[in-house]
Protein backbone atom coordinates (compact mmCIF):
# COMPACT_ATOMS: atom_id res chain seq x y z
CA UNK A 1 55.17 126.06 154.52
CA UNK A 2 58.36 125.50 152.58
CA UNK A 3 57.74 127.81 149.61
CA UNK A 4 56.55 131.43 149.89
CA UNK A 5 53.63 132.99 147.93
CA UNK A 6 55.70 134.47 145.12
CA UNK A 7 57.19 130.98 144.31
CA UNK A 8 53.72 129.41 144.06
CA UNK A 9 52.36 132.15 141.88
CA UNK A 10 55.40 132.01 139.50
CA UNK A 11 54.87 128.11 139.27
CA UNK A 12 51.18 128.61 138.36
CA UNK A 13 51.93 131.24 135.79
CA UNK A 14 54.58 128.85 134.23
CA UNK A 15 52.14 125.82 134.08
CA UNK A 16 49.24 127.89 132.66
CA UNK A 17 51.47 129.37 129.91
CA UNK A 18 52.71 125.81 128.96
CA UNK A 19 49.05 124.59 128.90
CA UNK A 20 48.05 127.37 126.61
CA UNK A 21 50.79 126.64 124.24
CA UNK A 22 50.71 122.90 124.25
CA UNK A 23 47.09 122.06 124.48
CA UNK A 24 45.97 123.50 121.14
CA UNK A 25 48.98 121.81 119.50
CA UNK A 26 48.03 118.44 120.99
CA UNK A 27 44.31 118.69 120.20
CA UNK A 28 44.60 119.81 116.60
CA UNK A 29 44.65 117.23 113.74
CA UNK A 30 47.68 116.88 111.72
CA UNK A 31 47.75 118.93 108.43
CA UNK A 32 46.68 116.81 105.47
CA UNK A 33 49.61 115.74 103.43
CA UNK A 34 49.61 116.40 99.71
CA UNK A 35 48.86 113.37 97.66
CA UNK A 36 51.88 111.71 96.35
CA UNK A 37 52.03 109.32 93.61
CA UNK A 38 52.49 105.93 94.91
CA UNK A 39 55.14 103.93 92.92
CA UNK A 40 53.68 101.23 90.72
CA UNK A 41 55.58 98.03 90.31
CA UNK A 42 55.12 95.99 87.18
CA UNK A 43 56.76 92.71 86.62
CA UNK A 44 57.62 92.27 83.02
CA UNK A 45 58.34 88.84 81.40
CA UNK A 46 61.86 88.18 80.45
CA UNK A 47 62.73 88.36 76.95
CA UNK A 48 63.67 85.22 75.11
CA UNK A 49 67.07 85.48 73.43
CA UNK A 50 68.21 82.72 71.18
CA UNK A 51 71.25 81.07 72.50
CA UNK A 52 74.31 80.35 70.37
CA UNK A 53 76.88 77.62 70.82
CA UNK A 54 80.38 79.17 71.29
CA UNK A 55 83.24 77.23 70.09
CA UNK A 56 86.23 76.77 72.38
CA UNK A 57 89.38 78.52 71.18
CA UNK A 58 91.96 76.28 69.61
CA UNK A 59 95.62 76.14 70.87
CA UNK A 60 97.99 77.53 68.13
CA UNK A 61 100.61 75.25 66.79
CA UNK A 62 103.41 77.68 67.57
CA UNK A 63 103.63 81.02 69.34
CA UNK A 64 105.93 83.72 68.08
CA UNK A 65 106.65 86.22 70.87
CA UNK A 66 106.83 89.94 69.97
CA UNK A 67 110.21 90.16 71.68
CA UNK A 68 111.85 87.52 69.64
CA UNK A 69 114.43 88.79 67.10
CA UNK A 70 113.67 88.67 63.33
CA UNK A 71 115.07 85.65 61.53
CA UNK A 72 118.62 86.16 60.59
CA UNK A 73 119.24 86.33 56.85
CA UNK A 74 121.94 83.95 55.28
CA UNK A 75 125.36 85.18 54.13
CA UNK A 76 124.39 84.80 50.51
CA UNK A 77 121.85 87.51 50.70
CA UNK A 78 123.88 90.16 52.43
CA UNK A 79 126.65 91.96 50.60
CA UNK A 80 129.97 92.06 52.20
CA UNK A 81 131.90 95.36 52.56
CA UNK A 82 135.75 95.18 52.60
CA UNK A 83 137.91 98.04 53.66
CA UNK A 84 140.19 99.42 51.03
CA UNK A 85 143.22 99.93 53.15
CA UNK A 86 143.14 97.80 56.26
CA UNK A 87 145.85 98.63 58.70
CA UNK A 88 147.08 95.90 61.07
CA UNK A 89 147.63 98.23 64.08
CA UNK A 90 143.99 99.47 63.97
CA UNK A 91 142.34 96.14 63.53
CA UNK A 92 141.17 94.84 66.93
CA UNK A 93 141.87 91.17 67.58
CA UNK A 94 138.65 89.23 68.36
CA UNK A 95 140.47 86.86 70.70
CA UNK A 96 141.46 89.67 72.98
CA UNK A 97 137.89 91.15 73.15
CA UNK A 98 136.36 87.63 73.75
CA UNK A 99 138.73 86.94 76.62
CA UNK A 100 137.99 90.34 78.15
CA UNK A 101 134.22 89.74 77.86
CA UNK A 102 134.61 86.18 79.42
CA UNK A 103 136.72 87.79 82.31
CA UNK A 104 134.08 90.35 82.79
CA UNK A 105 131.30 87.70 82.86
CA UNK A 106 133.31 85.53 85.34
CA UNK A 107 133.88 88.62 87.57
CA UNK A 108 130.18 89.36 87.58
CA UNK A 109 129.31 85.87 88.36
CA UNK A 110 131.69 85.90 91.31
CA UNK A 111 130.08 89.12 92.57
CA UNK A 112 126.59 87.73 92.47
CA UNK A 113 127.59 84.61 94.15
CA UNK A 114 129.32 86.64 96.77
CA UNK A 115 126.19 88.64 97.25
CA UNK A 116 124.19 85.67 97.78
CA UNK A 117 126.52 83.99 100.21
CA UNK A 118 126.17 84.58 103.91
CA UNK A 119 128.95 87.01 105.16
CA UNK A 120 131.42 85.27 107.40
CA UNK A 121 130.77 85.80 111.12
CA UNK A 122 133.88 87.04 113.00
CA UNK A 123 134.46 86.63 116.66
CA UNK A 124 136.02 90.07 116.72
CA UNK A 125 133.06 91.80 114.77
CA UNK A 126 131.19 94.76 115.99
CA UNK A 127 127.89 94.44 114.34
CA UNK A 128 124.99 91.90 114.77
CA UNK A 129 121.62 91.39 113.24
CA UNK A 130 118.98 91.19 115.93
CA UNK A 131 116.04 88.97 115.07
CA UNK A 132 113.99 89.16 118.28
CA UNK A 133 113.94 89.53 121.98
CA UNK A 134 112.12 87.03 124.09
CA UNK A 135 111.20 86.41 127.72
CA UNK A 136 110.43 82.76 127.06
CA UNK A 137 113.57 80.67 126.69
CA UNK A 138 111.69 78.05 124.57
CA UNK A 139 111.06 80.73 122.01
CA UNK A 140 114.85 81.60 122.08
CA UNK A 141 115.78 78.06 121.47
CA UNK A 142 113.23 77.49 118.67
CA UNK A 143 114.35 80.51 116.80
CA UNK A 144 118.01 79.67 117.29
CA UNK A 145 117.44 76.20 115.96
CA UNK A 146 115.57 77.41 112.93
CA UNK A 147 118.27 79.95 112.10
CA UNK A 148 121.02 77.51 112.55
CA UNK A 149 119.32 75.10 110.25
CA UNK A 150 119.39 77.74 107.60
CA UNK A 151 123.25 78.11 108.17
CA UNK A 152 123.38 81.35 110.07
CA UNK A 153 125.80 81.84 112.95
CA UNK A 154 123.52 82.61 115.91
CA UNK A 155 124.27 83.86 119.37
CA UNK A 156 122.13 85.22 122.26
CA UNK A 157 122.51 88.10 124.58
CA UNK A 158 120.89 88.62 128.10
CA UNK A 159 119.32 92.04 128.48
CA UNK A 160 118.77 93.75 131.83
CA UNK A 161 114.85 93.51 131.53
CA UNK A 162 114.76 89.70 131.68
CA UNK A 163 114.67 89.48 127.98
CA UNK A 164 117.09 87.34 125.72
CA UNK A 165 117.94 88.71 122.33
CA UNK A 166 118.59 86.43 119.43
CA UNK A 167 121.26 87.77 117.06
CA UNK A 168 123.08 86.62 113.87
CA UNK A 169 126.72 87.38 113.47
CA UNK A 170 128.85 89.18 114.55
CA UNK A 171 130.12 90.85 111.47
CA UNK A 172 133.15 93.13 111.02
CA UNK A 173 131.41 95.86 108.98
CA UNK A 174 127.98 97.40 108.54
CA UNK A 175 128.03 96.40 104.77
CA UNK A 176 128.27 92.75 105.79
CA UNK A 177 125.53 93.24 108.35
CA UNK A 178 123.21 94.77 105.87
CA UNK A 179 123.86 91.99 103.51
CA UNK A 180 122.99 89.56 106.20
CA UNK A 181 119.85 91.50 106.96
CA UNK A 182 118.71 91.03 103.33
CA UNK A 183 119.54 87.35 103.28
CA UNK A 184 117.76 86.74 106.54
CA UNK A 185 114.60 88.50 105.06
CA UNK A 186 114.81 86.47 101.86
CA UNK A 187 115.65 83.00 103.27
CA UNK A 188 113.63 82.85 106.55
CA UNK A 189 111.34 85.87 106.27
CA UNK A 190 112.42 87.62 109.50
CA UNK A 191 112.97 91.33 109.53
CA UNK A 192 116.40 91.88 111.37
CA UNK A 193 117.95 95.02 112.90
CA UNK A 194 121.42 95.84 112.53
CA UNK A 195 122.90 96.63 116.15
CA UNK A 196 126.27 97.13 117.50
CA UNK A 197 127.35 94.43 119.73
CA UNK A 198 130.63 95.53 120.94
CA UNK A 199 131.34 98.99 122.41
């Protein structure tokens, strides 16, 4: 005999107590549920609504924008004020101010054209814009051709982990490199990373 007398008796007691608890629960009928109102569904007929014809809006002959300046009145309507004691030293010459304004405009136009132009690559530059690193040489050549087609100076660098980095530049300063990063993003939609190429 594998089990002793005490184990058999304790097993019988456990089974009898489970039977006393579970048999009445299994044999009894479920408690009646309270009567709930069942939802009633009624389908109503749609209401007939008279339809009206809507006329398409017409295009106006002319449109005046809110930002447009008011019409300028003619000289006959506006009174002129003349100074009583004009001094020649205090009167500004209009030619000088127009020339200064023209110089300022020319200078700002040069600045914007310089900002849009690609910075010149220098063989002695220390900074480059890394566009990507590839293990497949075909991808390197494809990207190189695409960048050169857009007018960028492209060079490659072998890395120790069998990857080839494609870089634009090199540039002499970080400012030129940052400008190149912005131009690359704008023209070919590649996100570049400014890296030092010379130690």
